[in-house]
Amino acid sequence: VVTVYQGNVSASLVRVGELFRDAVRLSASRVILVHNHPSGDPTPSPDDLHLTAEALAAGRLLDIDVLDHLVVGHDAWVSLRDRGVNFDRAEARPRTRAAAIGGP
């Protein structure tokens, strides 16, 4: 578990590149994003959905799968994957140059 940001009661400004800093440093192949809503209501906000979309795009570029984004409240949590956000890669990407050009 790595704490990347700590916000205040009403907001946390997140730079997407920093979400992946330790994942890249540790050669992680997958991450799960988790944050809390101090209000206690784990309902994802539009900002949460936007951050998830940006993290998914960054993860694809870095070849790090974002498995889920969890929002935690006082006595409950919400999985954005369970809420219908598509965390699957749009298409399988070639892992080697040979595979990319049709080689063995």
N, C-alpha and C. Protein backbone atom coordinates (compact mmCIF):
# COMPACT_ATOMS: atom_id res chain seq x y z
N VAL A 1 0.85 -1.18 0.00
CA VAL A 1 0.00 0.00 0.00
C VAL A 1 0.89 1.23 0.00
N VAL A 2 0.62 2.14 -0.92
CA VAL A 2 1.40 3.37 -1.03
C VAL A 2 0.44 4.55 -0.99
N THR A 3 0.66 5.49 -0.08
CA THR A 3 -0.13 6.71 -0.05
C THR A 3 0.51 7.69 -1.01
N VAL A 4 -0.26 8.12 -2.01
CA VAL A 4 0.26 9.03 -3.02
C VAL A 4 -0.17 10.46 -2.73
N TYR A 5 -1.39 10.64 -2.29
CA TYR A 5 -1.92 11.97 -1.99
C TYR A 5 -2.69 11.95 -0.69
N GLN A 6 -2.70 13.07 -0.03
CA GLN A 6 -3.55 13.26 1.13
C GLN A 6 -4.21 14.62 0.94
N GLY A 7 -5.51 14.61 0.81
CA GLY A 7 -6.23 15.85 0.59
C GLY A 7 -6.74 16.44 1.88
N ASN A 8 -7.66 17.40 1.73
CA ASN A 8 -8.30 17.98 2.90
C ASN A 8 -9.73 17.47 2.96
N VAL A 9 -10.56 18.07 3.74
CA VAL A 9 -11.94 17.60 3.92
C VAL A 9 -12.75 17.66 2.63
N SER A 10 -12.44 18.60 1.75
CA SER A 10 -13.30 18.77 0.58
C SER A 10 -12.65 18.40 -0.75
N ALA A 11 -11.34 18.22 -0.82
CA ALA A 11 -10.74 17.95 -2.12
C ALA A 11 -9.32 17.41 -1.99
N SER A 12 -8.89 16.81 -3.09
CA SER A 12 -7.51 16.40 -3.24
C SER A 12 -7.16 16.55 -4.71
N LEU A 13 -6.17 17.37 -5.01
CA LEU A 13 -5.74 17.54 -6.38
C LEU A 13 -4.74 16.44 -6.70
N VAL A 14 -5.05 15.65 -7.72
CA VAL A 14 -4.25 14.48 -8.04
C VAL A 14 -3.61 14.65 -9.41
N ARG A 15 -2.31 14.48 -9.46
CA ARG A 15 -1.59 14.45 -10.73
C ARG A 15 -1.44 12.99 -11.12
N VAL A 16 -2.03 12.61 -12.26
CA VAL A 16 -2.10 11.21 -12.66
C VAL A 16 -0.72 10.56 -12.75
N GLY A 17 0.25 11.30 -13.23
CA GLY A 17 1.60 10.73 -13.34
C GLY A 17 2.13 10.24 -12.01
N GLU A 18 1.80 10.96 -10.94
CA GLU A 18 2.29 10.56 -9.62
C GLU A 18 1.58 9.32 -9.09
N LEU A 19 0.40 9.02 -9.60
CA LEU A 19 -0.29 7.79 -9.18
C LEU A 19 0.52 6.55 -9.54
N PHE A 20 1.29 6.65 -10.61
CA PHE A 20 2.02 5.50 -11.12
C PHE A 20 3.51 5.51 -10.76
N ARG A 21 3.98 6.55 -10.09
CA ARG A 21 5.41 6.68 -9.79
C ARG A 21 5.96 5.44 -9.08
N ASP A 22 5.34 5.05 -7.99
CA ASP A 22 5.85 3.90 -7.23
C ASP A 22 5.58 2.59 -7.95
N ALA A 23 4.48 2.52 -8.71
CA ALA A 23 4.21 1.31 -9.48
C ALA A 23 5.30 1.08 -10.51
N VAL A 24 5.73 2.15 -11.17
CA VAL A 24 6.82 2.03 -12.15
C VAL A 24 8.12 1.67 -11.42
N ARG A 25 8.41 2.35 -10.33
CA ARG A 25 9.63 2.10 -9.57
C ARG A 25 9.70 0.65 -9.09
N LEU A 26 8.56 0.08 -8.72
CA LEU A 26 8.51 -1.29 -8.20
C LEU A 26 8.26 -2.33 -9.29
N SER A 27 8.19 -1.89 -10.54
CA SER A 27 7.91 -2.78 -11.68
C SER A 27 6.59 -3.52 -11.50
N ALA A 28 5.61 -2.83 -10.96
CA ALA A 28 4.28 -3.42 -10.77
C ALA A 28 3.59 -3.59 -12.12
N SER A 29 2.86 -4.66 -12.26
CA SER A 29 2.11 -4.88 -13.49
C SER A 29 0.65 -4.49 -13.34
N ARG A 30 0.22 -4.28 -12.09
CA ARG A 30 -1.18 -3.95 -11.82
C ARG A 30 -1.28 -3.05 -10.60
N VAL A 31 -2.32 -2.22 -10.58
CA VAL A 31 -2.61 -1.38 -9.42
C VAL A 31 -4.11 -1.36 -9.17
N ILE A 32 -4.46 -1.07 -7.94
CA ILE A 32 -5.85 -0.77 -7.56
C ILE A 32 -5.81 0.59 -6.90
N LEU A 33 -6.62 1.51 -7.40
CA LEU A 33 -6.70 2.84 -6.81
C LEU A 33 -7.76 2.82 -5.72
N VAL A 34 -7.47 3.45 -4.60
CA VAL A 34 -8.41 3.52 -3.48
C VAL A 34 -8.34 4.92 -2.88
N HIS A 35 -9.50 5.49 -2.63
CA HIS A 35 -9.53 6.75 -1.89
C HIS A 35 -10.80 6.81 -1.07
N ASN A 36 -10.80 7.70 -0.09
CA ASN A 36 -11.98 7.80 0.78
C ASN A 36 -12.70 9.11 0.54
N HIS A 37 -13.97 9.12 0.89
CA HIS A 37 -14.78 10.34 0.91
C HIS A 37 -15.04 10.66 2.38
N PRO A 38 -14.45 11.71 2.89
CA PRO A 38 -14.63 12.05 4.30
C PRO A 38 -16.09 12.29 4.68
N SER A 39 -16.94 12.60 3.70
CA SER A 39 -18.37 12.79 3.98
C SER A 39 -19.01 11.50 4.46
N GLY A 40 -18.38 10.36 4.13
CA GLY A 40 -18.94 9.07 4.49
C GLY A 40 -19.75 8.45 3.37
N ASP A 41 -20.12 9.22 2.36
CA ASP A 41 -20.89 8.72 1.21
C ASP A 41 -19.92 8.25 0.13
N PRO A 42 -19.87 6.94 -0.15
CA PRO A 42 -18.91 6.45 -1.12
C PRO A 42 -19.34 6.58 -2.58
N THR A 43 -20.43 7.28 -2.84
CA THR A 43 -20.89 7.45 -4.22
C THR A 43 -19.82 8.17 -5.04
N PRO A 44 -19.38 7.57 -6.16
CA PRO A 44 -18.34 8.20 -6.97
C PRO A 44 -18.81 9.54 -7.54
N SER A 45 -17.94 10.53 -7.49
CA SER A 45 -18.25 11.85 -8.03
C SER A 45 -17.84 11.89 -9.51
N PRO A 46 -18.29 12.92 -10.24
CA PRO A 46 -17.80 13.08 -11.61
C PRO A 46 -16.28 13.19 -11.67
N ASP A 47 -15.67 13.84 -10.68
CA ASP A 47 -14.21 13.93 -10.62
C ASP A 47 -13.58 12.55 -10.44
N ASP A 48 -14.21 11.69 -9.65
CA ASP A 48 -13.71 10.33 -9.47
C ASP A 48 -13.73 9.57 -10.80
N LEU A 49 -14.80 9.73 -11.55
CA LEU A 49 -14.92 9.05 -12.85
C LEU A 49 -13.88 9.59 -13.84
N HIS A 50 -13.67 10.90 -13.81
CA HIS A 50 -12.68 11.51 -14.70
C HIS A 50 -11.27 11.02 -14.35
N LEU A 51 -10.95 11.00 -13.07
CA LEU A 51 -9.64 10.51 -12.65
C LEU A 51 -9.45 9.05 -13.06
N THR A 52 -10.49 8.25 -12.93
CA THR A 52 -10.40 6.84 -13.32
C THR A 52 -10.09 6.72 -14.80
N ALA A 53 -10.78 7.50 -15.63
CA ALA A 53 -10.53 7.45 -17.08
C ALA A 53 -9.10 7.86 -17.40
N GLU A 54 -8.61 8.90 -16.74
CA GLU A 54 -7.23 9.34 -16.97
C GLU A 54 -6.23 8.29 -16.50
N ALA A 55 -6.50 7.66 -15.36
CA ALA A 55 -5.61 6.62 -14.84
C ALA A 55 -5.59 5.40 -15.77
N LEU A 56 -6.74 5.04 -16.30
CA LEU A 56 -6.78 3.91 -17.23
C LEU A 56 -5.95 4.20 -18.48
N ALA A 57 -6.06 5.42 -19.01
CA ALA A 57 -5.28 5.80 -20.19
C ALA A 57 -3.78 5.78 -19.88
N ALA A 58 -3.40 6.33 -18.74
CA ALA A 58 -1.99 6.34 -18.35
C ALA A 58 -1.48 4.92 -18.13
N GLY A 59 -2.28 4.10 -17.49
CA GLY A 59 -1.89 2.71 -17.26
C GLY A 59 -1.67 1.95 -18.55
N ARG A 60 -2.51 2.22 -19.56
CA ARG A 60 -2.32 1.56 -20.85
C ARG A 60 -0.98 1.96 -21.47
N LEU A 61 -0.65 3.25 -21.36
CA LEU A 61 0.62 3.72 -21.92
C LEU A 61 1.81 3.10 -21.19
N LEU A 62 1.67 2.91 -19.89
CA LEU A 62 2.77 2.38 -19.07
C LEU A 62 2.76 0.86 -18.98
N ASP A 63 1.75 0.22 -19.58
CA ASP A 63 1.58 -1.23 -19.50
C ASP A 63 1.40 -1.69 -18.06
N ILE A 64 0.61 -0.90 -17.31
CA ILE A 64 0.24 -1.23 -15.94
C ILE A 64 -1.27 -1.28 -15.88
N ASP A 65 -1.83 -2.45 -15.61
CA ASP A 65 -3.28 -2.59 -15.55
C ASP A 65 -3.85 -1.92 -14.31
N VAL A 66 -4.87 -1.12 -14.48
CA VAL A 66 -5.64 -0.59 -13.36
C VAL A 66 -6.79 -1.57 -13.17
N LEU A 67 -6.76 -2.31 -12.07
CA LEU A 67 -7.75 -3.36 -11.85
C LEU A 67 -9.08 -2.83 -11.34
N ASP A 68 -9.04 -1.76 -10.54
CA ASP A 68 -10.27 -1.20 -10.00
C ASP A 68 -9.95 0.14 -9.35
N HIS A 69 -10.98 0.89 -9.09
CA HIS A 69 -10.88 2.13 -8.32
C HIS A 69 -11.97 2.05 -7.27
N LEU A 70 -11.57 2.00 -6.02
CA LEU A 70 -12.50 1.86 -4.90
C LEU A 70 -12.66 3.19 -4.20
N VAL A 71 -13.91 3.51 -3.86
CA VAL A 71 -14.21 4.71 -3.09
C VAL A 71 -14.77 4.24 -1.75
N VAL A 72 -14.14 4.67 -0.68
CA VAL A 72 -14.49 4.20 0.66
C VAL A 72 -15.22 5.30 1.41
N GLY A 73 -16.33 4.93 2.07
CA GLY A 73 -17.06 5.84 2.94
C GLY A 73 -16.93 5.36 4.37
N HIS A 74 -17.82 5.80 5.24
CA HIS A 74 -17.73 5.41 6.64
C HIS A 74 -17.97 3.92 6.84
N ASP A 75 -19.10 3.42 6.34
CA ASP A 75 -19.44 2.01 6.56
C ASP A 75 -19.65 1.24 5.26
N ALA A 76 -19.19 1.80 4.15
CA ALA A 76 -19.42 1.16 2.85
C ALA A 76 -18.31 1.56 1.89
N TRP A 77 -18.28 0.86 0.78
CA TRP A 77 -17.33 1.19 -0.28
C TRP A 77 -17.99 0.88 -1.61
N VAL A 78 -17.48 1.50 -2.66
CA VAL A 78 -18.00 1.30 -4.01
C VAL A 78 -16.84 0.94 -4.93
N SER A 79 -17.03 -0.09 -5.72
CA SER A 79 -16.08 -0.50 -6.75
C SER A 79 -16.57 0.09 -8.07
N LEU A 80 -15.72 0.90 -8.72
CA LEU A 80 -16.12 1.44 -10.01
C LEU A 80 -16.22 0.35 -11.06
N ARG A 81 -15.45 -0.72 -10.91
CA ARG A 81 -15.58 -1.86 -11.83
C ARG A 81 -16.99 -2.45 -11.70
N ASP A 82 -17.42 -2.63 -10.45
CA ASP A 82 -18.77 -3.17 -10.22
C ASP A 82 -19.86 -2.23 -10.70
N ARG A 83 -19.56 -0.94 -10.76
CA ARG A 83 -20.52 0.06 -11.23
C ARG A 83 -20.55 0.19 -12.75
N GLY A 84 -19.76 -0.64 -13.44
CA GLY A 84 -19.83 -0.67 -14.89
C GLY A 84 -18.72 0.04 -15.64
N VAL A 85 -17.74 0.59 -14.92
CA VAL A 85 -16.61 1.20 -15.61
C VAL A 85 -15.78 0.07 -16.23
N ASN A 86 -15.44 0.22 -17.50
CA ASN A 86 -14.70 -0.82 -18.22
C ASN A 86 -13.21 -0.70 -17.92
N PHE A 87 -12.68 -1.63 -17.15
CA PHE A 87 -11.27 -1.64 -16.80
C PHE A 87 -10.47 -2.56 -17.71
N ASP A 88 -11.13 -3.26 -18.62
CA ASP A 88 -10.44 -4.17 -19.51
C ASP A 88 -9.77 -3.38 -20.63
N ARG A 89 -8.65 -3.88 -21.07
CA ARG A 89 -7.94 -3.21 -22.16
C ARG A 89 -8.82 -3.27 -23.41
N ALA A 90 -8.80 -2.19 -24.16
CA ALA A 90 -9.61 -2.12 -25.37
C ALA A 90 -9.21 -3.19 -26.38
N GLU A 91 -7.95 -3.47 -26.45
CA GLU A 91 -7.44 -4.51 -27.34
C GLU A 91 -6.13 -5.03 -26.78
N ALA A 92 -5.86 -6.26 -27.10
CA ALA A 92 -4.58 -6.82 -26.66
C ALA A 92 -3.47 -6.16 -27.45
N ARG A 93 -2.43 -5.72 -26.76
CA ARG A 93 -1.32 -5.07 -27.43
C ARG A 93 -0.18 -6.05 -27.57
N PRO A 94 0.53 -6.00 -28.70
CA PRO A 94 1.69 -6.88 -28.85
C PRO A 94 2.73 -6.59 -27.78
N ARG A 95 3.36 -7.63 -27.26
CA ARG A 95 4.37 -7.49 -26.22
C ARG A 95 5.78 -7.37 -26.79
N THR A 96 5.95 -7.77 -28.04
CA THR A 96 7.28 -7.69 -28.64
C THR A 96 7.18 -7.08 -30.02
N ARG A 97 8.29 -6.59 -30.52
CA ARG A 97 8.33 -6.03 -31.87
C ARG A 97 8.01 -7.10 -32.89
N ALA A 98 8.52 -8.31 -32.71
CA ALA A 98 8.27 -9.39 -33.67
C ALA A 98 6.78 -9.67 -33.77
N ALA A 99 6.09 -9.67 -32.62
CA ALA A 99 4.65 -9.92 -32.65
C ALA A 99 3.92 -8.77 -33.33
N ALA A 100 4.46 -7.56 -33.19
CA ALA A 100 3.79 -6.40 -33.77
C ALA A 100 3.85 -6.42 -35.28
N ILE A 101 4.88 -7.01 -35.85
CA ILE A 101 4.98 -7.01 -37.30
C ILE A 101 4.67 -8.38 -37.89
N GLY A 102 4.10 -9.25 -37.08
CA GLY A 102 3.66 -10.54 -37.58
C GLY A 102 4.73 -11.62 -37.53
N GLY A 103 5.77 -11.41 -36.76
CA GLY A 103 6.84 -12.40 -36.64
C GLY A 103 6.43 -13.56 -35.75
N PRO A 104 7.33 -14.49 -35.54
CA PRO A 104 7.02 -15.67 -34.72
C PRO A 104 6.74 -15.36 -33.28
